[in-house]
């Protein structure tokens, strides 16, 4: 039988100095190489702006996982350094490919199993790792030299500053006003939300022209440049941070601090006062947040602008009554949706799930629904499986005919092209066959522990939130009502869901409270 190798191509680029065209060029070269060798490309994996010094590359990891499925015989890269520039990672992942009977090949470096090739491959990997680490060292050296001249080293300039023709910081008067407001309000005891609301309501924007959020303030309040001190590499490199045993003296050698290296926007006294307050707040953070627990975080969305709603705690009125809500993260001038009482909604969701899922009668009903779905799915499965299997048999028969022709000495370009097309189709059908499978009917007794778990889990804990959120798909909050989509497929049938609608007024009335509902 004619055995055409099946190839998975892998390409990547790692920095702003490379672009998508780099991946296109790699894929083009690999396609040409496969065509010349009559190899069949069955998959292509690409990682954009991902360094080969780390294995944290989604498509790379997917390729390694797929190598165990028998989909391809070869992983092809343009150069070996596209696969990895870390010798340890390279050895680990090549071993996994070898275990799965998959070979690693390179277009530009012809490596076989000879002793000479093994030595050459080791040299190439060592050179790639040296290049990567040396490049990082040279880049850091250049940035340090730029910093010593008090010039901006790259990235977005801090709020309150622009750059002159020599890349030195100069004050942007309008933005500097916002910086002064942020520091002064924080020093006066205002919280993040109060500062954010003031800035947004008075038309101030972030450096990127967006409205302010909490993340916008964190970096501003810790940036010593606002006191006129040019600082570079204050936190050190990631390696430096992770190396806890290194001395503070060695770490300080990595930091560049130049007094008067940039224009001053705030006083040192104000900056130091803010740092003291931040430190005090940090000590009390655990105690403060432990008082509030948001069960539905990540699951609740605004029905007007579509953004995720976030937990918010405030103390309103003269008596400073605590009020915890979910509110839209979009500024009020852009989205007029109302916040929703967090306590009422959390309790309502738990109670609703208890009635609809976590009791014996409801659970029996859900098990019956899921089994009905499974029977229909399996009925369709038989037809789909036979169709795919028949398609596979037809492709295999055509390949067998080509093999017989080749054995008789009939080899033409069109015959080879036809074989490649059939191999491609066969690979696609094999993937379909590997993915399709029947489902087994479920038993009511298998799900009874779910009821016990619901009853026994301690409320206001991460475990309870994780448990509940398995059954809450999405909550959409509109000005006058809520739509709650819950999963009733018991983790077996993702398509079995139920949508519950409730008016805001109805929700509040459940807790003997009132909410004003204006007519539309």
Protein backbone atom coordinates (compact mmCIF):
# COMPACT_ATOMS: atom_id res chain seq x y z
CA UNK A 1 0.00 0.00 0.00
CA UNK A 2 1.20 3.55 -0.82
CA UNK A 3 2.11 5.18 2.51
CA UNK A 4 2.24 8.97 2.28
CA UNK A 5 3.54 10.63 5.49
CA UNK A 6 1.00 12.90 7.18
CA UNK A 7 2.42 16.20 8.38
CA UNK A 8 1.46 18.72 11.07
CA UNK A 9 3.11 22.09 10.45
CA UNK A 10 4.09 24.40 13.30
CA UNK A 11 5.00 28.09 12.89
CA UNK A 12 5.34 31.01 15.28
CA UNK A 13 6.71 34.52 15.69
CA UNK A 14 7.70 35.91 19.03
CA UNK A 15 7.96 39.71 19.14
CA UNK A 16 7.03 43.06 17.69
CA UNK A 17 10.04 42.76 15.39
CA UNK A 18 8.27 39.94 13.61
CA UNK A 19 4.78 39.98 12.18
CA UNK A 20 2.11 37.76 10.73
CA UNK A 21 4.05 37.76 7.44
CA UNK A 22 6.74 35.79 9.27
CA UNK A 23 4.28 32.96 9.90
CA UNK A 24 3.03 33.15 6.31
CA UNK A 25 6.59 32.80 5.04
CA UNK A 26 7.25 29.81 7.31
CA UNK A 27 4.06 28.05 6.20
CA UNK A 28 4.80 28.79 2.55
CA UNK A 29 8.26 27.24 2.84
CA UNK A 30 6.89 24.19 4.66
CA UNK A 31 4.16 23.68 2.05
CA UNK A 32 6.77 23.76 -0.71
CA UNK A 33 8.96 21.30 1.21
CA UNK A 34 6.01 18.90 1.67
CA UNK A 35 5.09 19.14 -2.00
CA UNK A 36 8.63 18.31 -3.07
CA UNK A 37 8.70 15.27 -0.78
CA UNK A 38 5.12 14.18 -1.55
CA UNK A 39 4.10 14.61 2.10
CA UNK A 40 0.48 15.29 2.99
CA UNK A 41 -0.26 18.31 5.22
CA UNK A 42 -3.15 17.44 7.55
CA UNK A 43 -2.86 20.19 10.17
CA UNK A 44 -1.24 23.59 10.74
CA UNK A 45 -0.61 25.11 14.18
CA UNK A 46 0.52 28.71 14.67
CA UNK A 47 1.39 30.81 17.72
CA UNK A 48 1.63 34.57 17.30
CA UNK A 49 3.86 36.69 19.55
CA UNK A 50 4.91 33.65 21.59
CA UNK A 51 8.48 33.06 22.69
CA UNK A 52 10.07 29.64 22.18
CA UNK A 53 11.86 30.00 25.52
CA UNK A 54 8.60 28.95 27.18
CA UNK A 55 6.17 26.12 26.51
CA UNK A 56 3.21 28.38 27.36
CA UNK A 57 2.02 28.37 23.75
CA UNK A 58 -1.62 27.30 23.20
CA UNK A 59 -1.29 25.96 19.68
CA UNK A 60 2.00 24.23 20.48
CA UNK A 61 0.38 22.45 23.43
CA UNK A 62 -2.61 21.51 21.24
CA UNK A 63 -0.22 20.02 18.67
CA UNK A 64 1.55 17.96 21.34
CA UNK A 65 -1.82 16.71 22.60
CA UNK A 66 -3.00 15.85 19.08
CA UNK A 67 0.17 13.85 18.43
CA UNK A 68 -1.31 11.06 20.57
CA UNK A 69 -4.39 10.75 18.33
CA UNK A 70 -2.60 9.24 15.34
CA UNK A 71 -3.59 12.14 13.10
CA UNK A 72 -0.10 12.87 11.79
CA UNK A 73 3.30 11.15 11.52
CA UNK A 74 5.60 14.18 11.33
CA UNK A 75 5.82 17.59 13.00
CA UNK A 76 7.46 19.97 10.54
CA UNK A 77 9.02 23.33 11.47
CA UNK A 78 10.87 25.85 9.34
CA UNK A 79 13.80 25.89 11.79
CA UNK A 80 14.35 23.94 14.98
CA UNK A 81 14.28 27.15 17.04
CA UNK A 82 10.60 27.53 16.05
CA UNK A 83 9.96 24.35 18.07
CA UNK A 84 11.87 25.45 21.19
CA UNK A 85 14.87 27.51 22.25
CA UNK A 86 15.05 25.81 25.62
CA UNK A 87 17.02 22.57 25.55
CA UNK A 88 15.13 21.06 28.47
CA UNK A 89 11.70 21.76 26.91
CA UNK A 90 12.96 20.56 23.54
CA UNK A 91 14.08 17.22 24.97
CA UNK A 92 10.84 16.74 26.93
CA UNK A 93 8.51 17.42 24.00
CA UNK A 94 10.58 15.51 21.44
CA UNK A 95 10.39 12.54 23.79
CA UNK A 96 6.59 12.88 23.91
CA UNK A 97 6.43 13.01 20.12
CA UNK A 98 8.67 9.96 19.85
CA UNK A 99 6.45 8.07 22.31
CA UNK A 100 3.51 8.86 20.01
CA UNK A 101 5.49 7.67 16.95
CA UNK A 102 5.76 11.21 15.59
CA UNK A 103 9.02 12.53 14.14
CA UNK A 104 10.26 16.14 14.32
CA UNK A 105 11.65 17.53 11.04
CA UNK A 106 13.01 20.91 9.93
CA UNK A 107 12.97 22.49 6.48
CA UNK A 108 16.35 24.21 6.83
CA UNK A 109 18.17 21.76 9.10
CA UNK A 110 18.31 18.25 7.68
CA UNK A 111 18.54 16.00 10.73
CA UNK A 112 18.41 12.19 10.65
CA UNK A 113 19.16 9.45 13.21
CA UNK A 114 22.92 9.33 12.58
CA UNK A 115 25.36 10.13 15.43
CA UNK A 116 26.57 13.19 13.51
CA UNK A 117 23.04 14.54 13.20
CA UNK A 118 22.37 14.01 16.90
CA UNK A 119 25.46 16.09 17.71
CA UNK A 120 24.52 18.75 15.16
CA UNK A 121 20.98 19.00 16.56
CA UNK A 122 22.37 19.51 20.07
CA UNK A 123 24.66 22.26 18.79
CA UNK A 124 21.79 24.00 16.98
CA UNK A 125 19.59 23.90 20.09
CA UNK A 126 22.42 25.27 22.22
CA UNK A 127 23.01 28.09 19.75
CA UNK A 128 19.29 28.95 19.71
CA UNK A 129 19.16 29.10 23.52
CA UNK A 130 22.32 31.22 23.60
CA UNK A 131 20.88 33.59 20.98
CA UNK A 132 17.65 34.03 22.95
CA UNK A 133 19.33 34.72 26.30
CA UNK A 134 22.03 36.91 24.76
CA UNK A 135 19.38 38.92 22.92
CA UNK A 136 17.53 39.52 26.20
CA UNK A 137 20.77 40.65 27.84
CA UNK A 138 21.59 43.04 25.00
CA UNK A 139 18.07 44.49 24.98
CA UNK A 140 18.26 45.10 28.74
CA UNK A 141 21.70 46.70 28.30
CA UNK A 142 20.30 49.09 25.68
CA UNK A 143 17.29 49.96 27.83
CA UNK A 144 19.54 50.68 30.82
CA UNK A 145 21.67 53.02 28.74
CA UNK A 146 18.53 54.82 27.57
CA UNK A 147 17.27 55.03 31.17
CA UNK A 148 20.57 56.48 32.39
CA UNK A 149 19.94 59.37 29.98
CA UNK A 150 16.45 59.78 31.52
CA UNK A 151 14.81 58.86 28.24
CA UNK A 152 11.60 56.87 27.90
CA UNK A 153 12.41 53.17 27.44
CA UNK A 154 9.26 52.19 25.54
CA UNK A 155 5.60 51.43 26.05
CA UNK A 156 2.84 53.84 26.93
CA UNK A 157 4.02 56.99 28.68
CA UNK A 158 2.60 57.56 32.18
CA UNK A 159 -0.55 59.66 32.54
CA UNK A 160 0.47 63.31 32.96
CA UNK A 161 3.43 63.16 30.62
CA UNK A 162 4.19 63.41 26.91
CA UNK A 163 7.53 62.93 25.13
CA UNK A 164 9.68 65.59 23.52
CA UNK A 165 11.78 65.07 20.39
CA UNK A 166 14.53 63.47 22.51
CA UNK A 167 12.13 60.97 24.12
CA UNK A 168 12.30 62.72 27.47
CA UNK A 169 9.22 63.22 29.63
CA UNK A 170 7.46 66.57 29.58
CA UNK A 171 4.30 67.52 31.47
CA UNK A 172 0.87 67.30 29.85
CA UNK A 173 -0.96 69.95 31.88
CA UNK A 174 -4.50 68.56 31.49
CA UNK A 175 -3.47 65.01 32.37
CA UNK A 176 -1.29 66.27 35.23
CA UNK A 177 -4.45 67.74 36.80
CA UNK A 178 -5.96 64.24 36.86
CA UNK A 179 -2.81 62.84 38.50
CA UNK A 180 -2.95 65.49 41.23
CA UNK A 181 -6.64 64.77 41.84
CA UNK A 182 -5.99 61.03 42.14
CA UNK A 183 -3.21 61.41 44.71
CA UNK A 184 -4.97 64.10 46.74
CA UNK A 185 -8.32 62.30 46.89
CA UNK A 186 -6.65 59.05 47.92
CA UNK A 187 -4.65 60.84 50.62
CA UNK A 188 -7.90 62.44 51.86
CA UNK A 189 -9.41 59.01 52.39
CA UNK A 190 -11.56 58.61 49.26
CA UNK A 191 -11.90 55.06 47.87
CA UNK A 192 -11.11 53.95 44.35
CA UNK A 193 -14.72 54.13 43.16
CA UNK A 194 -15.14 57.69 44.44
CA UNK A 195 -11.99 58.77 42.62
CA UNK A 196 -13.02 56.94 39.45
CA UNK A 197 -16.49 58.48 39.47
CA UNK A 198 -15.09 61.99 39.98
CA UNK A 199 -12.59 61.64 37.12
CA UNK A 200 -15.11 60.19 34.69
CA UNK A 201 -17.82 62.69 35.57
CA UNK A 202 -15.40 65.57 35.00
CA UNK A 203 -14.31 64.29 31.59
CA UNK A 204 -10.81 63.04 32.41
CA UNK A 205 -9.54 60.08 30.38
CA UNK A 206 -6.75 57.53 30.77
CA UNK A 207 -3.61 57.81 28.66
CA UNK A 208 -5.24 55.59 26.06
CA UNK A 209 -8.34 57.77 25.94
CA UNK A 210 -10.56 55.37 27.91
CA UNK A 211 -12.70 55.96 30.98
CA UNK A 212 -11.07 55.26 34.33
CA UNK A 213 -11.34 51.97 36.21
CA UNK A 214 -9.60 50.55 39.26
CA UNK A 215 -6.75 49.11 37.23
CA UNK A 216 -6.09 52.59 35.84
CA UNK A 217 -5.32 53.87 39.34
CA UNK A 218 -3.10 51.10 40.69
CA UNK A 219 -0.04 51.91 38.58
CA UNK A 220 -0.49 55.66 38.92
CA UNK A 221 -0.50 55.57 42.72
CA UNK A 222 2.76 53.61 42.86
CA UNK A 223 4.71 55.52 40.18
CA UNK A 224 7.56 57.44 41.79
CA UNK A 225 8.20 59.39 38.58
CA UNK A 226 5.47 61.81 39.62
CA UNK A 227 7.84 63.10 42.35
CA UNK A 228 10.52 63.93 39.75
CA UNK A 229 12.54 60.72 40.24
CA UNK A 230 13.25 58.86 37.01
CA UNK A 231 12.93 55.15 37.89
CA UNK A 232 13.73 52.16 35.69
CA UNK A 233 13.41 48.44 36.46
CA UNK A 234 12.05 49.09 39.93
CA UNK A 235 10.66 45.58 40.29
CA UNK A 236 13.65 43.90 38.64
CA UNK A 237 13.29 41.14 36.07
CA UNK A 238 10.95 38.18 36.55
CA UNK A 239 13.93 36.00 37.29
CA UNK A 240 15.08 38.51 39.89
CA UNK A 241 11.69 38.54 41.55
CA UNK A 242 11.50 34.77 41.66
CA UNK A 243 15.00 34.38 43.03
CA UNK A 244 14.15 35.07 46.69
CA UNK A 245 17.60 34.15 47.92
CA UNK A 246 19.33 37.02 46.10
CA UNK A 247 20.43 39.89 48.34
CA UNK A 248 18.70 43.27 48.43
CA UNK A 249 22.03 44.84 47.44
CA UNK A 250 22.18 42.85 44.19
CA UNK A 251 18.56 43.72 43.45
CA UNK A 252 19.21 47.44 44.02
CA UNK A 253 22.02 47.29 41.45
CA UNK A 254 19.36 46.47 38.84
CA UNK A 255 17.34 49.59 39.68
CA UNK A 256 18.05 53.00 38.17
CA UNK A 257 16.82 55.99 40.20
CA UNK A 258 17.78 59.52 39.11
CA UNK A 259 16.59 62.45 41.21
CA UNK A 260 15.28 65.27 39.04
CA UNK A 261 15.37 63.00 35.99
CA UNK A 262 11.84 64.01 34.99
CA UNK A 263 9.41 66.88 35.71
CA UNK A 264 7.66 66.75 39.10
CA UNK A 265 3.85 66.67 39.27
CA UNK A 266 3.29 65.99 43.00
CA UNK A 267 5.36 66.48 46.16
CA UNK A 268 7.34 63.71 47.79
CA UNK A 269 5.37 64.25 50.98
CA UNK A 270 2.06 63.57 49.21
CA UNK A 271 3.51 60.49 47.49
CA UNK A 272 4.81 59.06 50.77
CA UNK A 273 1.48 59.71 52.51
CA UNK A 274 -0.31 57.78 49.78
CA UNK A 275 2.12 54.86 50.09
CA UNK A 276 1.48 54.71 53.86
CA UNK A 277 -2.28 54.63 53.32
CA UNK A 278 -1.93 51.93 50.66
CA UNK A 279 0.15 49.81 53.02
CA UNK A 280 -2.43 50.23 55.78
CA UNK A 281 -5.26 49.31 53.39
CA UNK A 282 -3.35 46.25 52.26
CA UNK A 283 -3.04 44.99 55.83
CA UNK A 284 -6.80 45.31 56.24
CA UNK A 285 -7.71 43.92 52.81
CA UNK A 286 -8.33 40.34 53.92
CA UNK A 287 -10.53 41.36 56.81
CA UNK A 288 -12.48 43.82 54.67
CA UNK A 289 -13.15 41.47 51.77
CA UNK A 290 -14.00 38.56 54.01
CA UNK A 291 -17.18 40.44 54.94
CA UNK A 292 -18.48 40.34 51.39
CA UNK A 293 -19.00 37.35 49.14
CA UNK A 294 -20.27 37.59 45.55
CA UNK A 295 -21.74 34.26 44.52
CA UNK A 296 -22.43 35.13 40.87
CA UNK A 297 -19.25 36.94 39.92
CA UNK A 298 -18.33 36.22 36.32
CA UNK A 299 -21.83 35.02 35.43
CA UNK A 300 -23.85 38.23 35.47
CA UNK A 301 -24.00 40.64 32.49
CA UNK A 302 -25.58 43.97 31.62
CA UNK A 303 -28.54 43.67 29.26
CA UNK A 304 -27.89 47.11 27.74
CA UNK A 305 -24.17 47.23 26.91
CA UNK A 306 -23.34 43.53 27.31
CA UNK A 307 -20.45 44.05 29.70
CA UNK A 308 -19.88 41.90 32.76
CA UNK A 309 -21.35 43.32 35.97
CA UNK A 310 -19.14 43.52 39.06
CA UNK A 311 -19.68 43.43 42.78
CA UNK A 312 -19.89 46.80 44.50
CA UNK A 313 -20.13 47.65 48.20
CA UNK A 314 -21.03 51.04 49.61
CA UNK A 315 -22.51 52.55 52.74
CA UNK A 316 -25.42 54.85 51.90
CA UNK A 317 -27.43 57.44 53.79
CA UNK A 318 -26.71 59.19 57.05
CA UNK A 319 -26.84 55.91 58.93
CA UNK A 320 -24.28 54.41 56.52
CA UNK A 321 -26.36 51.35 55.70
CA UNK A 322 -24.33 48.67 53.92
CA UNK A 323 -25.48 48.10 50.34
CA UNK A 324 -23.91 45.34 48.24
CA UNK A 325 -24.89 45.20 44.56
CA UNK A 326 -23.91 43.97 41.14
CA UNK A 327 -23.41 46.97 38.89
CA UNK A 328 -22.42 47.50 35.26
CA UNK A 329 -18.75 48.37 34.86
CA UNK A 330 -19.52 50.86 32.09
CA UNK A 331 -19.66 54.49 33.18
CA UNK A 332 -23.14 55.82 33.95
CA UNK A 333 -23.00 58.38 31.11
CA UNK A 334 -22.61 55.51 28.63
CA UNK A 335 -24.88 52.89 30.19
CA UNK A 336 -27.91 53.81 32.28
CA UNK A 337 -28.70 50.30 33.51
CA UNK A 338 -29.56 49.98 37.19
CA UNK A 339 -27.53 48.01 39.71
CA UNK A 340 -29.16 44.96 41.29
CA UNK A 341 -29.18 44.07 44.98
CA UNK A 342 -26.55 41.37 45.43
CA UNK A 343 -28.01 39.83 48.59
CA UNK A 344 -31.47 39.39 47.07
CA UNK A 345 -30.19 37.92 43.81
CA UNK A 346 -27.72 35.49 45.41
CA UNK A 347 -30.38 34.11 47.74
CA UNK A 348 -32.96 33.90 44.94
CA UNK A 349 -30.61 31.93 42.66
CA UNK A 350 -29.77 29.40 45.38
CA UNK A 351 -33.44 28.93 46.24
CA UNK A 352 -34.44 28.58 42.59
CA UNK A 353 -31.75 25.92 41.98
CA UNK A 354 -32.92 24.04 45.07
CA UNK A 355 -36.47 23.88 43.65
CA UNK A 356 -35.51 23.12 40.05
CA UNK A 357 -32.53 20.76 40.53
CA UNK A 358 -31.52 19.89 44.08
CA UNK A 359 -34.53 17.90 45.28
CA UNK A 360 -35.67 14.35 44.60
CA UNK A 361 -38.71 15.07 42.39
CA UNK A 362 -36.96 17.65 40.20
CA UNK A 363 -33.86 15.49 39.85
CA UNK A 364 -35.92 12.51 38.62
CA UNK A 365 -37.52 14.77 36.02
CA UNK A 366 -34.12 16.06 34.85
CA UNK A 367 -32.71 12.52 34.59
CA UNK A 368 -35.65 11.54 32.37
CA UNK A 369 -35.09 14.59 30.15
CA UNK A 370 -31.39 13.83 29.78
CA UNK A 371 -32.06 10.18 28.91
CA UNK A 372 -34.58 11.27 26.26
CA UNK A 373 -31.86 13.48 24.78
CA UNK A 374 -29.34 10.62 24.91
CA UNK A 375 -31.68 8.21 23.10
CA UNK A 376 -32.22 10.74 20.32
CA UNK A 377 -28.51 11.47 20.11
CA UNK A 378 -27.65 7.76 19.90
CA UNK A 379 -30.32 7.23 17.26
CA UNK A 380 -28.77 9.94 15.12
CA UNK A 381 -25.32 8.61 15.98
CA UNK A 382 -25.97 5.26 14.25
CA UNK A 383 -26.85 6.98 11.00
CA UNK A 384 -23.99 9.49 11.22
CA UNK A 385 -21.44 6.82 12.15
CA UNK A 386 -22.43 4.52 9.28
CA UNK A 387 -22.25 7.41 6.80
CA UNK A 388 -18.77 8.40 7.98
CA UNK A 389 -17.64 4.77 7.99
CA UNK A 390 -18.92 4.28 4.44
CA UNK A 391 -17.07 7.40 3.33
CA UNK A 392 -13.89 6.08 4.93
CA UNK A 393 -14.31 2.71 3.17
CA UNK A 394 -14.73 4.41 -0.20
CA UNK A 395 -11.59 6.49 0.30
CA UNK A 396 -9.63 3.42 1.39
CA UNK A 397 -10.79 1.46 -1.67
CA UNK A 398 -9.62 4.26 -3.98
CA UNK A 399 -6.24 4.34 -2.24
CA UNK A 400 -5.95 0.57 -2.65
CA UNK A 401 -6.59 0.93 -6.39
CA UNK A 402 -3.83 3.55 -6.64
CA UNK A 403 -1.47 1.26 -4.72
CA UNK A 404 -2.17 -1.57 -7.21
CA UNK A 405 -1.46 0.79 -10.10
CA UNK A 406 1.84 1.83 -8.55
CA UNK A 407 2.80 -1.81 -8.03
CA UNK A 408 2.28 -2.35 -11.77
CA UNK A 409 4.67 0.52 -12.50
CA UNK A 410 2.04 3.14 -13.31
CA UNK A 411 3.32 6.30 -11.64
CA UNK A 412 2.13 9.67 -12.93
CA UNK A 413 1.94 13.17 -11.46
CA UNK A 414 -1.87 13.12 -11.56
CA UNK A 415 -1.89 9.75 -9.77
CA UNK A 416 0.36 11.11 -7.00
CA UNK A 417 -1.82 14.24 -6.67
CA UNK A 418 -4.93 12.07 -6.45
CA UNK A 419 -3.31 9.97 -3.74
CA UNK A 420 -2.45 13.10 -1.77
CA UNK A 421 -6.05 14.33 -2.02
CA UNK A 422 -7.36 10.99 -0.80
CA UNK A 423 -4.88 10.92 2.08
CA UNK A 424 -6.09 14.38 3.10
CA UNK A 425 -9.70 13.23 3.03
CA UNK A 426 -8.86 10.05 4.93
CA UNK A 427 -7.16 12.08 7.67
CA UNK A 428 -10.25 14.31 7.97
CA UNK A 429 -12.57 11.30 8.17
CA UNK A 430 -10.35 9.63 10.77
CA UNK A 431 -10.69 12.74 12.95
CA UNK A 432 -14.49 12.56 12.59
CA UNK A 433 -14.49 8.90 13.58
CA UNK A 434 -12.29 9.57 16.62
CA UNK A 435 -14.60 12.35 17.84
CA UNK A 436 -17.97 10.63 17.45
CA UNK A 437 -19.11 8.29 20.21
CA UNK A 438 -22.30 7.02 21.82
CA UNK A 439 -23.60 8.16 25.19
CA UNK A 440 -24.73 5.85 27.98
CA UNK A 441 -28.05 6.31 29.75
CA UNK A 442 -27.75 7.77 33.24
CA UNK A 443 -29.21 6.52 36.51
CA UNK A 444 -31.10 8.64 39.04
CA UNK A 445 -29.14 7.05 41.90
CA UNK A 446 -25.86 8.28 40.40
CA UNK A 447 -26.93 11.90 40.89
CA UNK A 448 -28.39 11.68 44.38
CA UNK A 449 -25.05 12.78 45.94
CA UNK A 450 -25.54 16.12 44.19
CA UNK A 451 -28.44 16.88 46.51
CA UNK A 452 -26.36 15.99 49.55
CA UNK A 453 -23.48 18.13 48.32
CA UNK A 454 -25.81 21.10 47.88
CA UNK A 455 -27.11 20.72 51.43
CA UNK A 456 -23.75 20.13 53.10
CA UNK A 457 -21.50 22.68 51.38
CA UNK A 458 -20.74 25.67 53.56
CA UNK A 459 -22.26 28.86 52.12
CA UNK A 460 -20.11 31.86 51.22
CA UNK A 461 -17.12 29.71 50.30
CA UNK A 462 -15.22 29.28 47.06
CA UNK A 463 -16.29 25.61 46.90
CA UNK A 464 -19.95 26.59 47.12
CA UNK A 465 -19.55 29.25 44.43
CA UNK A 466 -17.81 26.78 42.10
CA UNK A 467 -20.55 24.23 42.72
CA UNK A 468 -23.42 26.67 42.07
CA UNK A 469 -21.82 28.18 38.97
CA UNK A 470 -21.84 24.77 37.26
CA UNK A 471 -25.59 25.21 36.96
CA UNK A 472 -25.78 28.94 36.20
CA UNK A 473 -24.86 29.62 32.58
CA UNK A 474 -25.62 33.33 32.40
CA UNK A 475 -27.65 36.04 34.11
CA UNK A 476 -28.60 39.08 32.03
CA UNK A 477 -29.80 42.14 33.94
CA UNK A 478 -32.09 44.54 32.10
CA UNK A 479 -33.54 47.80 33.48
CA UNK A 480 -36.87 46.18 34.41
CA UNK A 481 -36.27 42.43 34.46
CA UNK A 482 -33.67 39.66 34.63
CA UNK A 483 -33.14 36.62 32.38
CA UNK A 484 -31.48 33.69 34.14
CA UNK A 485 -30.22 30.80 32.04
CA UNK A 486 -29.57 27.64 34.04
CA UNK A 487 -28.06 24.34 32.91
CA UNK A 488 -30.42 21.41 33.46
CA UNK A 489 -28.46 18.82 31.48
CA UNK A 490 -26.61 17.52 34.57
CA UNK A 491 -23.25 18.01 32.86
CA UNK A 492 -24.18 15.42 30.19
CA UNK A 493 -26.24 17.41 27.70
CA UNK A 494 -24.98 20.98 27.27
CA UNK A 495 -27.94 21.83 25.04
CA UNK A 496 -30.54 21.26 27.77
CA UNK A 497 -31.05 24.64 29.43
CA UNK A 498 -33.89 26.63 30.92
CA UNK A 499 -34.42 30.39 30.95
CA UNK A 500 -36.18 31.93 33.95
CA UNK A 501 -37.44 35.51 33.73
CA UNK A 502 -38.25 37.66 36.75
CA UNK A 503 -39.16 41.34 37.14
CA UNK A 504 -36.96 43.47 39.36
CA UNK A 505 -40.00 44.47 41.41
CA UNK A 506 -40.98 40.83 41.84
CA UNK A 507 -37.47 39.97 43.06
CA UNK A 508 -37.46 42.80 45.60
CA UNK A 509 -40.96 41.96 46.80
CA UNK A 510 -39.75 38.46 47.71
CA UNK A 511 -37.68 40.15 50.41
CA UNK A 512 -40.40 42.57 51.49
CA UNK A 513 -38.59 45.39 49.81
CA UNK A 514 -39.58 47.81 47.09
CA UNK A 515 -37.93 48.99 43.91
CA UNK A 516 -39.36 51.75 41.77
CA UNK A 517 -40.35 50.49 38.33
CA UNK A 518 -41.03 53.28 35.88
CA UNK A 519 -43.22 52.55 32.91
CA UNK A 520 -41.40 52.06 29.66
